[in-house]
């Protein structure tokens, strides 16, 4: 794990801890999705739309055209780039 990855992990943990468990359970807000994607070091800019796929499972479309699946697995927020 690089220093950047470690820093992002710590920042994400601090953000989740400071906002409480509600953040991990409801990440549908565009601002929350934007923050989660940025904290994971993914290019995005700003989330312009999102689609709910299931409980705690979203597809976020960014202003730069990138699309990410953002979901919660085993209590962790996962961000995966979609093709």
N, C-alpha and C. Protein backbone atom coordinates (compact mmCIF):
# COMPACT_ATOMS: atom_id res chain seq x y z
N UNK A 1 0.85 -1.17 0.00
CA UNK A 1 0.00 0.00 0.00
C UNK A 1 0.90 1.24 0.00
N UNK A 2 0.69 2.12 -0.96
CA UNK A 2 1.50 3.33 -1.05
C UNK A 2 1.05 4.34 0.01
N UNK A 3 1.85 5.37 0.17
CA UNK A 3 1.50 6.42 1.14
C UNK A 3 0.19 7.09 0.75
N UNK A 4 -0.02 7.30 -0.56
CA UNK A 4 -1.26 7.92 -1.01
C UNK A 4 -2.46 7.04 -0.69
N UNK A 5 -2.35 5.74 -0.99
CA UNK A 5 -3.45 4.82 -0.69
C UNK A 5 -3.73 4.77 0.80
N UNK A 6 -2.69 4.76 1.61
CA UNK A 6 -2.86 4.74 3.06
C UNK A 6 -3.55 6.02 3.52
N UNK A 7 -3.13 7.17 2.96
CA UNK A 7 -3.74 8.44 3.33
C UNK A 7 -5.21 8.49 2.94
N UNK A 8 -5.51 8.01 1.71
CA UNK A 8 -6.90 7.99 1.27
C UNK A 8 -7.76 7.07 2.14
N UNK A 9 -7.19 5.92 2.52
CA UNK A 9 -7.92 4.99 3.38
C UNK A 9 -8.21 5.63 4.73
N UNK A 10 -7.21 6.31 5.29
CA UNK A 10 -7.41 6.97 6.58
C UNK A 10 -8.43 8.10 6.46
N UNK A 11 -8.36 8.86 5.36
CA UNK A 11 -9.32 9.95 5.16
C UNK A 11 -10.73 9.41 5.01
N UNK A 12 -10.88 8.32 4.26
CA UNK A 12 -12.20 7.71 4.10
C UNK A 12 -12.73 7.20 5.43
N UNK A 13 -11.86 6.57 6.21
CA UNK A 13 -12.28 6.06 7.52
C UNK A 13 -12.69 7.21 8.43
N UNK A 14 -11.94 8.31 8.39
CA UNK A 14 -12.28 9.47 9.23
C UNK A 14 -13.60 10.08 8.79
N UNK A 15 -13.83 10.15 7.48
CA UNK A 15 -15.08 10.70 6.97
C UNK A 15 -16.26 9.84 7.39
N UNK A 16 -16.11 8.54 7.25
CA UNK A 16 -17.18 7.63 7.64
C UNK A 16 -17.43 7.71 9.14
N UNK A 17 -16.37 7.74 9.93
CA UNK A 17 -16.51 7.81 11.38
C UNK A 17 -17.17 9.12 11.81
N UNK A 18 -16.83 10.22 11.13
CA UNK A 18 -17.37 11.51 11.54
C UNK A 18 -18.83 11.69 11.13
N UNK A 19 -19.27 10.98 10.10
CA UNK A 19 -20.66 11.12 9.67
C UNK A 19 -21.55 10.04 10.23
N UNK A 20 -20.96 9.07 10.91
CA UNK A 20 -21.75 8.01 11.53
C UNK A 20 -22.07 6.91 10.55
N UNK A 21 -22.77 5.92 11.03
CA UNK A 21 -23.08 4.76 10.20
C UNK A 21 -24.08 5.09 9.10
N UNK A 22 -24.78 6.21 9.19
CA UNK A 22 -25.74 6.57 8.15
C UNK A 22 -25.04 6.73 6.81
N UNK A 23 -23.79 7.20 6.82
CA UNK A 23 -23.06 7.39 5.57
C UNK A 23 -22.85 6.05 4.87
N UNK A 24 -22.45 5.04 5.60
CA UNK A 24 -22.20 3.73 5.01
C UNK A 24 -23.49 3.08 4.53
N UNK A 25 -24.62 3.50 5.08
CA UNK A 25 -25.88 2.88 4.72
C UNK A 25 -26.65 3.65 3.66
N UNK A 26 -26.36 4.94 3.47
CA UNK A 26 -27.07 5.70 2.45
C UNK A 26 -26.09 6.60 1.72
N UNK A 27 -25.57 6.10 0.61
CA UNK A 27 -24.58 6.86 -0.15
C UNK A 27 -25.17 7.36 -1.46
N UNK A 28 -26.47 7.60 -1.47
CA UNK A 28 -27.14 7.96 -2.71
C UNK A 28 -26.97 9.42 -3.10
N UNK A 29 -26.68 10.29 -2.18
CA UNK A 29 -26.55 11.71 -2.47
C UNK A 29 -25.36 11.96 -3.38
N UNK A 30 -25.54 12.80 -4.40
CA UNK A 30 -24.47 13.07 -5.37
C UNK A 30 -23.22 13.61 -4.70
N UNK A 31 -23.37 14.45 -3.68
CA UNK A 31 -22.20 14.98 -2.98
C UNK A 31 -21.45 13.87 -2.25
N UNK A 32 -22.17 12.94 -1.63
CA UNK A 32 -21.53 11.82 -0.95
C UNK A 32 -20.82 10.92 -1.96
N UNK A 33 -21.47 10.64 -3.08
CA UNK A 33 -20.85 9.81 -4.11
C UNK A 33 -19.59 10.48 -4.66
N UNK A 34 -19.66 11.78 -4.88
CA UNK A 34 -18.50 12.53 -5.37
C UNK A 34 -17.34 12.41 -4.39
N UNK A 35 -17.64 12.57 -3.10
CA UNK A 35 -16.59 12.49 -2.06
C UNK A 35 -15.99 11.09 -1.99
N UNK A 36 -16.83 10.08 -2.03
CA UNK A 36 -16.34 8.70 -1.95
C UNK A 36 -15.44 8.38 -3.14
N UNK A 37 -15.85 8.78 -4.32
CA UNK A 37 -15.05 8.52 -5.52
C UNK A 37 -13.70 9.25 -5.41
N UNK A 38 -13.73 10.50 -4.99
CA UNK A 38 -12.49 11.27 -4.85
C UNK A 38 -11.57 10.66 -3.80
N UNK A 39 -12.13 10.23 -2.67
CA UNK A 39 -11.32 9.63 -1.61
C UNK A 39 -10.69 8.31 -2.04
N UNK A 40 -11.26 7.70 -3.05
CA UNK A 40 -10.69 6.47 -3.59
C UNK A 40 -9.70 6.75 -4.72
N UNK A 41 -9.41 8.03 -4.96
CA UNK A 41 -8.41 8.41 -5.94
C UNK A 41 -8.83 8.24 -7.39
N UNK A 42 -10.12 8.20 -7.64
CA UNK A 42 -10.63 8.01 -9.00
C UNK A 42 -10.96 9.38 -9.61
N UNK A 43 -10.67 9.57 -10.91
CA UNK A 43 -11.02 10.83 -11.56
C UNK A 43 -12.53 10.93 -11.75
N UNK A 44 -13.08 12.09 -11.46
CA UNK A 44 -14.52 12.27 -11.61
C UNK A 44 -14.87 13.74 -11.78
N UNK A 45 -14.44 14.56 -10.88
CA UNK A 45 -14.86 15.96 -10.86
C UNK A 45 -16.09 16.07 -9.97
N UNK A 46 -17.25 15.79 -10.55
CA UNK A 46 -18.51 15.89 -9.81
C UNK A 46 -19.49 14.86 -10.37
N UNK A 47 -20.23 14.21 -9.50
CA UNK A 47 -21.26 13.26 -9.94
C UNK A 47 -22.45 14.07 -10.44
N UNK A 48 -22.86 13.80 -11.68
CA UNK A 48 -23.99 14.52 -12.27
C UNK A 48 -25.28 13.71 -12.25
N UNK A 49 -25.15 12.38 -12.13
CA UNK A 49 -26.35 11.56 -11.99
C UNK A 49 -25.97 10.23 -11.36
N UNK A 50 -26.96 9.61 -10.75
CA UNK A 50 -26.73 8.29 -10.15
C UNK A 50 -27.99 7.46 -10.28
N UNK A 51 -27.77 6.15 -10.33
CA UNK A 51 -28.87 5.20 -10.43
C UNK A 51 -28.69 4.17 -9.33
N UNK A 52 -29.77 3.93 -8.59
CA UNK A 52 -29.72 2.93 -7.53
C UNK A 52 -29.94 1.55 -8.15
N UNK A 53 -28.99 0.63 -7.89
CA UNK A 53 -29.09 -0.74 -8.41
C UNK A 53 -29.64 -1.70 -7.37
N UNK A 54 -29.51 -1.35 -6.13
CA UNK A 54 -29.95 -2.20 -5.03
C UNK A 54 -29.65 -1.49 -3.73
N UNK A 55 -29.83 -2.20 -2.65
CA UNK A 55 -29.54 -1.60 -1.36
C UNK A 55 -28.05 -1.30 -1.27
N UNK A 56 -27.70 -0.03 -1.04
CA UNK A 56 -26.31 0.41 -0.93
C UNK A 56 -25.50 0.05 -2.17
N UNK A 57 -26.09 0.18 -3.34
CA UNK A 57 -25.43 -0.15 -4.60
C UNK A 57 -25.88 0.86 -5.66
N UNK A 58 -24.95 1.67 -6.15
CA UNK A 58 -25.27 2.75 -7.07
C UNK A 58 -24.32 2.77 -8.25
N UNK A 59 -24.79 3.31 -9.37
CA UNK A 59 -23.94 3.63 -10.50
C UNK A 59 -23.92 5.15 -10.59
N UNK A 60 -22.72 5.72 -10.49
CA UNK A 60 -22.57 7.18 -10.53
C UNK A 60 -21.94 7.57 -11.86
N UNK A 61 -22.50 8.59 -12.50
CA UNK A 61 -21.95 9.13 -13.73
C UNK A 61 -21.35 10.50 -13.41
N UNK A 62 -20.09 10.67 -13.79
CA UNK A 62 -19.36 11.90 -13.47
C UNK A 62 -19.43 12.89 -14.63
N UNK A 63 -19.14 14.15 -14.32
CA UNK A 63 -19.17 15.19 -15.34
C UNK A 63 -18.11 14.96 -16.42
N UNK A 64 -17.06 14.20 -16.11
CA UNK A 64 -16.01 13.92 -17.10
C UNK A 64 -16.32 12.68 -17.93
N UNK A 65 -17.48 12.06 -17.71
CA UNK A 65 -17.90 10.90 -18.49
C UNK A 65 -17.60 9.55 -17.84
N UNK A 66 -16.76 9.53 -16.82
CA UNK A 66 -16.48 8.27 -16.12
C UNK A 66 -17.71 7.79 -15.37
N UNK A 67 -17.85 6.46 -15.30
CA UNK A 67 -18.96 5.85 -14.55
C UNK A 67 -18.36 4.89 -13.54
N UNK A 68 -18.91 4.91 -12.33
CA UNK A 68 -18.42 4.06 -11.26
C UNK A 68 -19.57 3.35 -10.57
N UNK A 69 -19.31 2.12 -10.17
CA UNK A 69 -20.23 1.40 -9.29
C UNK A 69 -19.73 1.65 -7.88
N UNK A 70 -20.60 2.16 -7.03
CA UNK A 70 -20.27 2.45 -5.64
C UNK A 70 -21.22 1.64 -4.78
N UNK A 71 -20.65 0.78 -3.94
CA UNK A 71 -21.50 -0.09 -3.14
C UNK A 71 -20.81 -0.42 -1.81
N UNK A 72 -21.59 -0.97 -0.90
CA UNK A 72 -21.08 -1.36 0.42
C UNK A 72 -20.99 -2.87 0.46
N UNK A 73 -19.82 -3.38 0.84
CA UNK A 73 -19.61 -4.81 0.97
C UNK A 73 -18.83 -5.05 2.25
N UNK A 74 -19.37 -5.88 3.12
CA UNK A 74 -18.74 -6.20 4.40
C UNK A 74 -18.40 -4.93 5.19
N UNK A 75 -19.29 -3.95 5.14
CA UNK A 75 -19.11 -2.72 5.90
C UNK A 75 -18.15 -1.72 5.29
N UNK A 76 -17.65 -1.99 4.09
CA UNK A 76 -16.71 -1.09 3.41
C UNK A 76 -17.33 -0.56 2.15
N UNK A 77 -17.01 0.70 1.83
CA UNK A 77 -17.49 1.31 0.60
C UNK A 77 -16.48 0.97 -0.51
N UNK A 78 -16.99 0.37 -1.60
CA UNK A 78 -16.17 -0.06 -2.71
C UNK A 78 -16.51 0.80 -3.93
N UNK A 79 -15.49 1.24 -4.67
CA UNK A 79 -15.68 2.02 -5.89
C UNK A 79 -14.99 1.27 -7.03
N UNK A 80 -15.77 0.91 -8.05
CA UNK A 80 -15.24 0.19 -9.21
C UNK A 80 -15.59 0.96 -10.48
N UNK A 81 -14.58 1.18 -11.33
CA UNK A 81 -14.83 1.85 -12.61
C UNK A 81 -15.58 0.91 -13.53
N UNK A 82 -16.58 1.45 -14.21
CA UNK A 82 -17.38 0.67 -15.16
C UNK A 82 -16.93 1.04 -16.57
N UNK A 83 -16.98 0.08 -17.47
CA UNK A 83 -16.56 0.34 -18.86
C UNK A 83 -17.70 0.91 -19.65
